[in-house]
Amino acid sequence: MKNLFHALPITLLILFFSVNSTSGQTKNQTGQIDRTEFSLHKTINFDGENEKIEISIQVTETNNVLKLQISSIVHTGELTIEVFDPTGEEQGKYSVGSQNSIKTTGKTFNPTQNETVTGRISKLVESPIIGEWKINVIPKNVKGTLNIDFDQSSIKK
């Protein structure tokens, strides 16, 4: 009986450590983190356009991050950018335009003079609404370039 009382704590200790090491191994095997990233780059060149462009971006993964960067270079005309989530709610907007008749200290710029105006909007959304996000591009006699960079990353644990 004495031997049983001495062996019982040792047996329980061995059992305790073997269960912990087994559960530790299970966590390491199933605790893997899987990260997927998707990137899209789009460039649109304008040469006096006036027609509205609608760009759709699909957000399909839950537990993710959506990063949207839109930049523009306008030589003439005006460019308006609008960003909408799948519910139709506006998530960002900016306008960039060339000003060919600016007056400074009594002088008027020559309308043929080159002028370049740049603009940029950045949007970072954690756990964005799944569905179709829209970017409306509204040019008015625009000569210039529009760059759209879209990144989506999802993490699965």
Protein backbone atom coordinates (compact mmCIF):
# COMPACT_ATOMS: atom_id res chain seq x y z
CA MET A 1 0.00 0.00 0.00
CA LYS A 2 2.91 2.32 0.80
CA ASN A 3 4.37 1.71 -2.63
CA LEU A 4 1.00 2.64 -4.18
CA PHE A 5 0.99 6.01 -2.35
CA HIS A 6 4.54 6.72 -3.57
CA ALA A 7 3.85 5.60 -7.12
CA LEU A 8 0.54 7.48 -7.45
CA PRO A 9 2.03 11.02 -7.39
CA ILE A 10 4.75 10.01 -9.85
CA THR A 11 2.17 8.42 -12.15
CA LEU A 12 -0.04 11.50 -11.97
CA LEU A 13 2.94 13.76 -12.69
CA ILE A 14 3.93 11.70 -15.73
CA LEU A 15 0.32 11.67 -16.92
CA PHE A 16 0.05 15.45 -16.44
CA PHE A 17 3.18 16.17 -18.51
CA SER A 18 2.24 13.74 -21.27
CA VAL A 19 -1.25 15.31 -21.62
CA ASN A 20 0.24 18.82 -21.72
CA SER A 21 2.84 17.90 -24.31
CA THR A 22 0.17 16.21 -26.43
CA SER A 23 -2.15 19.22 -26.28
CA GLY A 24 0.81 21.50 -27.05
CA GLN A 25 1.57 19.51 -30.16
CA THR A 26 -2.07 19.70 -31.24
CA LYS A 27 -2.11 23.48 -30.86
CA ASN A 28 1.03 23.85 -32.93
CA GLN A 29 -0.43 21.74 -35.72
CA THR A 30 -3.85 23.43 -35.76
CA GLY A 31 -2.66 26.93 -34.81
CA GLN A 32 -1.38 27.61 -38.32
CA ILE A 33 -2.19 31.08 -39.65
CA ASP A 34 -2.99 31.28 -43.36
CA ARG A 35 -2.72 34.74 -44.96
CA THR A 36 -3.78 35.39 -48.55
CA GLU A 37 -3.16 38.66 -50.36
CA PHE A 38 -4.67 39.84 -53.62
CA SER A 39 -3.54 42.98 -55.45
CA LEU A 40 -4.88 44.76 -58.50
CA HIS A 41 -3.41 47.76 -60.29
CA LYS A 42 -5.35 49.65 -62.94
CA THR A 43 -4.23 52.65 -65.01
CA ILE A 44 -6.65 54.73 -67.06
CA ASN A 45 -5.38 57.39 -69.47
CA PHE A 46 -7.69 60.27 -70.39
CA ASP A 47 -7.47 62.38 -73.56
CA GLY A 48 -10.35 64.84 -73.18
CA GLU A 49 -12.98 62.33 -71.96
CA ASN A 50 -16.34 63.24 -70.41
CA GLU A 51 -17.89 59.81 -69.97
CA LYS A 52 -18.44 58.42 -66.45
CA ILE A 53 -16.62 55.14 -65.68
CA GLU A 54 -17.80 52.71 -63.01
CA ILE A 55 -15.25 50.25 -61.65
CA SER A 56 -16.40 47.29 -59.52
CA ILE A 57 -14.26 45.52 -56.96
CA GLN A 58 -15.39 42.29 -55.33
CA VAL A 59 -14.71 41.81 -51.63
CA THR A 60 -15.30 38.13 -50.92
CA GLU A 61 -13.45 37.18 -47.76
CA THR A 62 -14.47 37.67 -44.17
CA ASN A 63 -11.91 38.62 -41.52
CA ASN A 64 -9.86 40.64 -43.98
CA VAL A 65 -8.40 44.05 -44.72
CA LEU A 66 -9.25 46.14 -47.77
CA LYS A 67 -6.76 48.77 -48.91
CA LEU A 68 -7.63 51.14 -51.71
CA GLN A 69 -5.36 53.85 -53.11
CA ILE A 70 -6.42 56.07 -55.98
CA SER A 71 -4.15 58.74 -57.44
CA SER A 72 -4.58 61.04 -60.39
CA ILE A 73 -2.59 63.41 -62.53
CA VAL A 74 -4.67 66.02 -64.38
CA HIS A 75 -3.20 68.31 -67.04
CA THR A 76 -6.52 69.82 -68.18
CA GLY A 77 -10.12 69.44 -67.11
CA GLU A 78 -11.55 68.11 -63.86
CA LEU A 79 -11.70 64.60 -62.42
CA THR A 80 -14.00 63.46 -59.58
CA ILE A 81 -13.57 60.12 -57.80
CA GLU A 82 -16.26 58.55 -55.59
CA VAL A 83 -15.95 55.31 -53.56
CA PHE A 84 -19.06 53.38 -52.45
CA ASP A 85 -19.45 50.26 -50.30
CA PRO A 86 -21.90 47.46 -51.25
CA THR A 87 -24.75 49.17 -49.35
CA GLY A 88 -24.38 52.27 -51.55
CA GLU A 89 -22.91 54.42 -48.78
CA GLU A 90 -20.20 56.82 -49.92
CA GLN A 91 -16.84 55.93 -48.36
CA GLY A 92 -14.72 58.66 -49.92
CA LYS A 93 -14.65 61.36 -52.59
CA TYR A 94 -12.23 63.84 -54.10
CA SER A 95 -11.98 66.14 -57.10
CA VAL A 96 -8.92 67.39 -58.92
CA GLY A 97 -8.96 70.06 -61.61
CA SER A 98 -6.66 72.16 -63.71
CA GLN A 99 -7.01 75.92 -63.32
CA ASN A 100 -5.92 77.63 -66.51
CA SER A 101 -7.07 81.15 -65.60
CA ILE A 102 -5.52 81.70 -62.17
CA LYS A 103 -4.58 85.32 -61.43
CA THR A 104 -1.56 86.02 -59.27
CA THR A 105 -0.37 89.51 -58.38
CA GLY A 106 -2.01 91.10 -61.41
CA LYS A 107 -0.77 88.52 -63.92
CA THR A 108 -2.88 85.91 -65.66
CA PHE A 109 -1.34 82.55 -66.50
CA ASN A 110 -1.22 81.81 -70.19
CA PRO A 111 -4.00 79.24 -70.88
CA THR A 112 -1.57 77.25 -73.03
CA GLN A 113 0.87 77.05 -70.14
CA ASN A 114 1.31 73.53 -68.78
CA GLU A 115 -0.17 72.85 -65.40
CA THR A 116 -0.31 69.51 -63.62
CA VAL A 117 -2.50 68.87 -60.59
CA THR A 118 -2.26 65.65 -58.62
CA GLY A 119 -4.61 64.14 -56.09
CA ARG A 120 -4.81 60.99 -54.02
CA ILE A 121 -7.22 59.16 -51.75
CA SER A 122 -6.29 56.23 -49.51
CA LYS A 123 -8.80 54.01 -47.74
CA LEU A 124 -8.01 51.19 -45.31
CA VAL A 125 -10.98 49.15 -44.03
CA GLU A 126 -10.67 46.32 -41.53
CA SER A 127 -13.42 43.69 -41.90
CA PRO A 128 -15.06 45.45 -44.87
CA ILE A 129 -18.59 44.70 -46.01
CA ILE A 130 -18.58 41.70 -48.34
CA GLY A 131 -19.88 42.42 -51.81
CA GLU A 132 -19.31 44.75 -54.73
CA TRP A 133 -17.51 48.00 -53.95
CA LYS A 134 -17.76 50.68 -56.64
CA ILE A 135 -15.46 53.43 -57.78
CA ASN A 136 -17.11 56.11 -59.90
CA VAL A 137 -14.75 58.10 -62.10
CA ILE A 138 -16.34 61.29 -63.45
CA PRO A 139 -14.14 63.15 -65.95
CA LYS A 140 -14.87 66.59 -67.43
CA ASN A 141 -12.65 67.23 -70.48
CA VAL A 142 -9.81 65.46 -68.67
CA LYS A 143 -6.36 64.93 -70.04
CA GLY A 144 -4.35 62.95 -67.55
CA THR A 145 -3.92 59.62 -65.81
CA LEU A 146 -5.73 57.74 -63.05
CA ASN A 147 -4.08 54.93 -61.04
CA ILE A 148 -6.07 52.57 -58.85
CA ASP A 149 -4.35 50.15 -56.46
CA PHE A 150 -6.55 47.65 -54.65
CA ASP A 151 -5.24 45.19 -52.06
CA GLN A 152 -7.26 42.64 -50.12
CA SER A 153 -5.76 40.33 -47.54
CA SER A 154 -7.50 37.66 -45.54
CA ILE A 155 -6.28 35.83 -42.48
CA LYS A 156 -7.51 32.39 -41.48
CA LYS A 157 -6.46 30.96 -38.14
